[in-house]
Amino acid sequence: MKCKICNETIFGHGHNAQPVANGRCCDVCQDTKVLPLRLDLMLNESPAFQMFARMMQDMERVNE
């Protein structure tokens, strides 16, 4: 089976490549592409993250 992201051979069952691609991905793409994107999408949707991001932007403006 080939990774849908990098086209390398997958050993074992692989991982769900969503939201990067449809199908399965290798361990490397799971760790470097899929999980970081999932975390980014999850955190950007979080109201707590949005509040933290606004606070950081406000602090940057104050320190300018």
PDB file of N, CA and C in Angstrom:
ATOM      1  N   MET A   1       0.854  -1.175   0.000  1.00  0.00           N
ATOM      2  CA  MET A   1       0.000   0.000   0.000  1.00  0.00           C
ATOM      3  C   MET A   1       0.904   1.244   0.000  1.00  0.00           C
ATOM      4  N   LYS A   2       0.497   2.275  -0.740  1.00  0.00           N
ATOM      5  CA  LYS A   2       1.269   3.520  -0.858  1.00  0.00           C
ATOM      6  C   LYS A   2       0.611   4.645  -0.069  1.00  0.00           C
ATOM      7  N   CYS A   3       1.439   5.502   0.486  1.00  0.00           N
ATOM      8  CA  CYS A   3       0.965   6.691   1.200  1.00  0.00           C
ATOM      9  C   CYS A   3       0.322   7.645   0.192  1.00  0.00           C
ATOM     10  N   LYS A   4      -0.862   8.149   0.517  1.00  0.00           N
ATOM     11  CA  LYS A   4      -1.573   9.066  -0.373  1.00  0.00           C
ATOM     12  C   LYS A   4      -0.947  10.459  -0.390  1.00  0.00           C
ATOM     13  N   ILE A   5      -0.023  10.729   0.532  1.00  0.00           N
ATOM     14  CA  ILE A   5       0.587  12.056   0.593  1.00  0.00           C
ATOM     15  C   ILE A   5       1.953  12.067  -0.105  1.00  0.00           C
ATOM     16  N   CYS A   6       2.826  11.130   0.278  1.00  0.00           N
ATOM     17  CA  CYS A   6       4.191  11.140  -0.271  1.00  0.00           C
ATOM     18  C   CYS A   6       4.462   9.996  -1.239  1.00  0.00           C
ATOM     19  N   ASN A   7       3.513   9.073  -1.369  1.00  0.00           N
ATOM     20  CA  ASN A   7       3.612   7.938  -2.288  1.00  0.00           C
ATOM     21  C   ASN A   7       4.666   6.899  -1.882  1.00  0.00           C
ATOM     22  N   GLU A   8       5.158   6.950  -0.646  1.00  0.00           N
ATOM     23  CA  GLU A   8       6.079   5.922  -0.147  1.00  0.00           C
ATOM     24  C   GLU A   8       5.274   4.698   0.282  1.00  0.00           C
ATOM     25  N   THR A   9       5.960   3.567   0.394  1.00  0.00           N
ATOM     26  CA  THR A   9       5.316   2.335   0.844  1.00  0.00           C
ATOM     27  C   THR A   9       4.955   2.439   2.324  1.00  0.00           C
ATOM     28  N   ILE A  10       3.745   2.018   2.652  1.00  0.00           N
ATOM     29  CA  ILE A  10       3.280   2.014   4.040  1.00  0.00           C
ATOM     30  C   ILE A  10       3.528   0.632   4.616  1.00  0.00           C
ATOM     31  N   PHE A  11       4.152   0.595   5.783  1.00  0.00           N
ATOM     32  CA  PHE A  11       4.341  -0.654   6.506  1.00  0.00           C
ATOM     33  C   PHE A  11       3.268  -0.744   7.579  1.00  0.00           C
ATOM     34  N   GLY A  12       2.604  -1.872   7.668  1.00  0.00           N
ATOM     35  CA  GLY A  12       1.499  -2.016   8.601  1.00  0.00           C
ATOM     36  C   GLY A  12       0.220  -1.494   7.974  1.00  0.00           C
ATOM     37  N   HIS A  13      -0.665  -0.977   8.813  1.00  0.00           N
ATOM     38  CA  HIS A  13      -1.969  -0.514   8.339  1.00  0.00           C
ATOM     39  C   HIS A  13      -1.971   0.950   7.922  1.00  0.00           C
ATOM     40  N   GLY A  14      -0.957   1.711   8.315  1.00  0.00           N
ATOM     41  CA  GLY A  14      -0.939   3.130   8.006  1.00  0.00           C
ATOM     42  C   GLY A  14      -1.908   3.897   8.886  1.00  0.00           C
ATOM     43  N   HIS A  15      -2.162   5.139   8.510  1.00  0.00           N
ATOM     44  CA  HIS A  15      -3.003   6.036   9.296  1.00  0.00           C
ATOM     45  C   HIS A  15      -4.012   6.716   8.385  1.00  0.00           C
ATOM     46  N   ASN A  16      -5.100   7.175   8.965  1.00  0.00           N
ATOM     47  CA  ASN A  16      -6.090   7.956   8.231  1.00  0.00           C
ATOM     48  C   ASN A  16      -5.437   9.280   7.826  1.00  0.00           C
ATOM     49  N   ALA A  17      -5.406   9.581   6.555  1.00  0.00           N
ATOM     50  CA  ALA A  17      -4.715  10.775   6.048  1.00  0.00           C
ATOM     51  C   ALA A  17      -5.582  12.029   6.066  1.00  0.00           C
ATOM     52  N   GLN A  18      -6.823  11.925   6.515  1.00  0.00           N
ATOM     53  CA  GLN A  18      -7.695  13.106   6.573  1.00  0.00           C
ATOM     54  C   GLN A  18      -7.167  14.090   7.602  1.00  0.00           C
ATOM     55  N   PRO A  19      -7.162  15.350   7.409  1.00  0.00           N
ATOM     56  CA  PRO A  19      -7.774  16.110   6.323  1.00  0.00           C
ATOM     57  C   PRO A  19      -6.817  16.449   5.182  1.00  0.00           C
ATOM     58  N   VAL A  20      -5.619  15.873   5.182  1.00  0.00           N
ATOM     59  CA  VAL A  20      -4.643  16.192   4.139  1.00  0.00           C
ATOM     60  C   VAL A  20      -4.998  15.502   2.827  1.00  0.00           C
ATOM     61  N   ALA A  21      -5.400  14.240   2.907  1.00  0.00           N
ATOM     62  CA  ALA A  21      -5.718  13.467   1.703  1.00  0.00           C
ATOM     63  C   ALA A  21      -6.761  12.410   2.051  1.00  0.00           C
ATOM     64  N   ASN A  22      -7.370  11.852   1.043  1.00  0.00           N
ATOM     65  CA  ASN A  22      -8.293  10.726   1.232  1.00  0.00           C
ATOM     66  C   ASN A  22      -7.496   9.440   1.142  1.00  0.00           C
ATOM     67  N   GLY A  23      -7.657   8.579   2.123  1.00  0.00           N
ATOM     68  CA  GLY A  23      -6.952   7.302   2.109  1.00  0.00           C
ATOM     69  C   GLY A  23      -6.039   7.163   3.307  1.00  0.00           C
ATOM     70  N   ARG A  24      -4.963   6.383   3.128  1.00  0.00           N
ATOM     71  CA  ARG A  24      -4.043   6.063   4.198  1.00  0.00           C
ATOM     72  C   ARG A  24      -2.713   6.792   3.980  1.00  0.00           C
ATOM     73  N   CYS A  25      -2.015   7.061   5.101  1.00  0.00           N
ATOM     74  CA  CYS A  25      -0.708   7.706   5.005  1.00  0.00           C
ATOM     75  C   CYS A  25       0.315   6.953   5.852  1.00  0.00           C
ATOM     76  N   CYS A  26       1.577   7.220   5.603  1.00  0.00           N
ATOM     77  CA  CYS A  26       2.672   6.578   6.328  1.00  0.00           C
ATOM     78  C   CYS A  26       2.892   7.264   7.681  1.00  0.00           C
ATOM     79  N   ASP A  27       3.755   6.665   8.498  1.00  0.00           N
ATOM     80  CA  ASP A  27       4.061   7.218   9.819  1.00  0.00           C
ATOM     81  C   ASP A  27       4.655   8.621   9.732  1.00  0.00           C
ATOM     82  N   VAL A  28       5.553   8.839   8.772  1.00  0.00           N
ATOM     83  CA  VAL A  28       6.214  10.143   8.648  1.00  0.00           C
ATOM     84  C   VAL A  28       5.204  11.232   8.305  1.00  0.00           C
ATOM     85  N   CYS A  29       4.346  10.987   7.341  1.00  0.00           N
ATOM     86  CA  CYS A  29       3.338  11.991   6.966  1.00  0.00           C
ATOM     87  C   CYS A  29       2.325  12.192   8.080  1.00  0.00           C
ATOM     88  N   GLN A  30       2.003  11.129   8.806  1.00  0.00           N
ATOM     89  CA  GLN A  30       1.103  11.264   9.955  1.00  0.00           C
ATOM     90  C   GLN A  30       1.687  12.261  10.953  1.00  0.00           C
ATOM     91  N   ASP A  31       2.985  12.098  11.255  1.00  0.00           N
ATOM     92  CA  ASP A  31       3.637  12.937  12.270  1.00  0.00           C
ATOM     93  C   ASP A  31       3.953  14.349  11.778  1.00  0.00           C
ATOM     94  N   THR A  32       4.251  14.504  10.496  1.00  0.00           N
ATOM     95  CA  THR A  32       4.714  15.811  10.003  1.00  0.00           C
ATOM     96  C   THR A  32       3.666  16.631   9.271  1.00  0.00           C
ATOM     97  N   LYS A  33       2.605  15.989   8.802  1.00  0.00           N
ATOM     98  CA  LYS A  33       1.604  16.721   8.025  1.00  0.00           C
ATOM     99  C   LYS A  33       0.187  16.604   8.595  1.00  0.00           C
ATOM    100  N   VAL A  34      -0.247  15.370   8.865  1.00  0.00           N
ATOM    101  CA  VAL A  34      -1.640  15.146   9.271  1.00  0.00           C
ATOM    102  C   VAL A  34      -1.903  15.659  10.686  1.00  0.00           C
ATOM    103  N   LEU A  35      -1.130  15.196  11.660  1.00  0.00           N
ATOM    104  CA  LEU A  35      -1.382  15.614  13.042  1.00  0.00           C
ATOM    105  C   LEU A  35      -1.210  17.117  13.246  1.00  0.00           C
ATOM    106  N   PRO A  36      -0.139  17.742  12.704  1.00  0.00           N
ATOM    107  CA  PRO A  36      -0.051  19.202  12.875  1.00  0.00           C
ATOM    108  C   PRO A  36      -1.244  19.950  12.279  1.00  0.00           C
ATOM    109  N   LEU A  37      -1.731  19.517  11.128  1.00  0.00           N
ATOM    110  CA  LEU A  37      -2.889  20.181  10.525  1.00  0.00           C
ATOM    111  C   LEU A  37      -4.142  19.954  11.363  1.00  0.00           C
ATOM    112  N   ARG A  38      -4.331  18.737  11.864  1.00  0.00           N
ATOM    113  CA  ARG A  38      -5.500  18.473  12.715  1.00  0.00           C
ATOM    114  C   ARG A  38      -5.468  19.346  13.964  1.00  0.00           C
ATOM    115  N   LEU A  39      -4.297  19.446  14.598  1.00  0.00           N
ATOM    116  CA  LEU A  39      -4.178  20.286  15.792  1.00  0.00           C
ATOM    117  C   LEU A  39      -4.442  21.748  15.462  1.00  0.00           C
ATOM    118  N   ASP A  40      -3.890  22.208  14.345  1.00  0.00           N
ATOM    119  CA  ASP A  40      -4.103  23.595  13.941  1.00  0.00           C
ATOM    120  C   ASP A  40      -5.579  23.867  13.701  1.00  0.00           C
ATOM    121  N   LEU A  41      -6.241  22.975  13.002  1.00  0.00           N
ATOM    122  CA  LEU A  41      -7.669  23.153  12.739  1.00  0.00           C
ATOM    123  C   LEU A  41      -8.472  23.121  14.039  1.00  0.00           C
ATOM    124  N   MET A  42      -8.126  22.206  14.927  1.00  0.00           N
ATOM    125  CA  MET A  42      -8.840  22.082  16.190  1.00  0.00           C
ATOM    126  C   MET A  42      -8.639  23.337  17.043  1.00  0.00           C
ATOM    127  N   LEU A  43      -7.406  23.786  17.160  1.00  0.00           N
ATOM    128  CA  LEU A  43      -7.125  24.937  18.011  1.00  0.00           C
ATOM    129  C   LEU A  43      -7.703  26.227  17.450  1.00  0.00           C
ATOM    130  N   ASN A  44      -7.661  26.384  16.148  1.00  0.00           N
ATOM    131  CA  ASN A  44      -8.199  27.601  15.548  1.00  0.00           C
ATOM    132  C   ASN A  44      -9.704  27.700  15.702  1.00  0.00           C
ATOM    133  N   GLU A  45     -10.368  26.576  15.905  1.00  0.00           N
ATOM    134  CA  GLU A  45     -11.815  26.575  16.117  1.00  0.00           C
ATOM    135  C   GLU A  45     -12.171  26.794  17.585  1.00  0.00           C
ATOM    136  N   SER A  46     -11.216  26.635  18.466  1.00  0.00           N
ATOM    137  CA  SER A  46     -11.469  26.702  19.902  1.00  0.00           C
ATOM    138  C   SER A  46     -11.675  28.145  20.366  1.00  0.00           C
ATOM    139  N   PRO A  47     -12.763  28.442  21.072  1.00  0.00           N
ATOM    140  CA  PRO A  47     -12.977  29.788  21.606  1.00  0.00           C
ATOM    141  C   PRO A  47     -11.855  30.205  22.560  1.00  0.00           C
ATOM    142  N   ALA A  48     -11.339  29.267  23.336  1.00  0.00           N
ATOM    143  CA  ALA A  48     -10.241  29.592  24.258  1.00  0.00           C
ATOM    144  C   ALA A  48      -8.992  29.989  23.476  1.00  0.00           C
ATOM    145  N   PHE A  49      -8.709  29.277  22.387  1.00  0.00           N
ATOM    146  CA  PHE A  49      -7.553  29.620  21.565  1.00  0.00           C
ATOM    147  C   PHE A  49      -7.738  30.988  20.923  1.00  0.00           C
ATOM    148  N   GLN A  50      -8.949  31.272  20.450  1.00  0.00           N
ATOM    149  CA  GLN A  50      -9.218  32.573  19.838  1.00  0.00           C
ATOM    150  C   GLN A  50      -9.002  33.701  20.845  1.00  0.00           C
ATOM    151  N   MET A  51      -9.456  33.498  22.077  1.00  0.00           N
ATOM    152  CA  MET A  51      -9.265  34.503  23.116  1.00  0.00           C
ATOM    153  C   MET A  51      -7.776  34.693  23.405  1.00  0.00           C
ATOM    154  N   PHE A  52      -7.033  33.597  23.502  1.00  0.00           N
ATOM    155  CA  PHE A  52      -5.593  33.670  23.746  1.00  0.00           C
ATOM    156  C   PHE A  52      -4.886  34.397  22.599  1.00  0.00           C
ATOM    157  N   ALA A  53      -5.270  34.093  21.372  1.00  0.00           N
ATOM    158  CA  ALA A  53      -4.652  34.738  20.216  1.00  0.00           C
ATOM    159  C   ALA A  53      -4.906  36.246  20.228  1.00  0.00           C
ATOM    160  N   ARG A  54      -6.129  36.656  20.583  1.00  0.00           N
ATOM    161  CA  ARG A  54      -6.436  38.087  20.667  1.00  0.00           C
ATOM    162  C   ARG A  54      -5.622  38.751  21.771  1.00  0.00           C
ATOM    163  N   MET A  55      -5.469  38.075  22.904  1.00  0.00           N
ATOM    164  CA  MET A  55      -4.672  38.623  24.004  1.00  0.00           C
ATOM    165  C   MET A  55      -3.221  38.811  23.568  1.00  0.00           C
ATOM    166  N   MET A  56      -2.676  37.835  22.844  1.00  0.00           N
ATOM    167  CA  MET A  56      -1.288  37.933  22.375  1.00  0.00           C
ATOM    168  C   MET A  56      -1.131  39.078  21.375  1.00  0.00           C
ATOM    169  N   GLN A  57      -2.101  39.244  20.494  1.00  0.00           N
ATOM    170  CA  GLN A  57      -2.045  40.354  19.543  1.00  0.00           C
ATOM    171  C   GLN A  57      -2.108  41.685  20.274  1.00  0.00           C
ATOM    172  N   ASP A  58      -2.962  41.792  21.284  1.00  0.00           N
ATOM    173  CA  ASP A  58      -3.057  43.020  22.072  1.00  0.00           C
ATOM    174  C   ASP A  58      -1.744  43.310  22.782  1.00  0.00           C
ATOM    175  N   MET A  59      -1.110  42.294  23.328  1.00  0.00           N
ATOM    176  CA  MET A  59       0.178  42.471  24.018  1.00  0.00           C
ATOM    177  C   MET A  59       1.250  42.935  23.048  1.00  0.00           C
ATOM    178  N   GLU A  60       1.240  42.387  21.823  1.00  0.00           N
ATOM    179  CA  GLU A  60       2.218  42.805  20.816  1.00  0.00           C
ATOM    180  C   GLU A  60       2.027  44.273  20.460  1.00  0.00           C
ATOM    181  N   ARG A  61       0.767  44.731  20.354  1.00  0.00           N
ATOM    182  CA  ARG A  61       0.504  46.130  20.040  1.00  0.00           C
ATOM    183  C   ARG A  61       1.001  47.034  21.156  1.00  0.00           C
ATOM    184  N   VAL A  62       0.815  46.616  22.401  1.00  0.00           N
ATOM    185  CA  VAL A  62       1.246  47.421  23.557  1.00  0.00           C
ATOM    186  C   VAL A  62       2.766  47.539  23.585  1.00  0.00           C
ATOM    187  N   ASN A  63       3.459  46.472  23.185  1.00  0.00           N
ATOM    188  CA  ASN A  63       4.914  46.456  23.243  1.00  0.00           C
ATOM    189  C   ASN A  63       5.575  47.111  22.036  1.00  0.00           C
ATOM    190  N   GLU A  64       4.805  47.574  21.089  1.00  0.00           N
ATOM    191  CA  GLU A  64       5.391  48.210  19.880  1.00  0.00           C
ATOM    192  C   GLU A  64       5.902  49.590  20.180  1.00  0.00           C
TER     193      GLU A  64
END
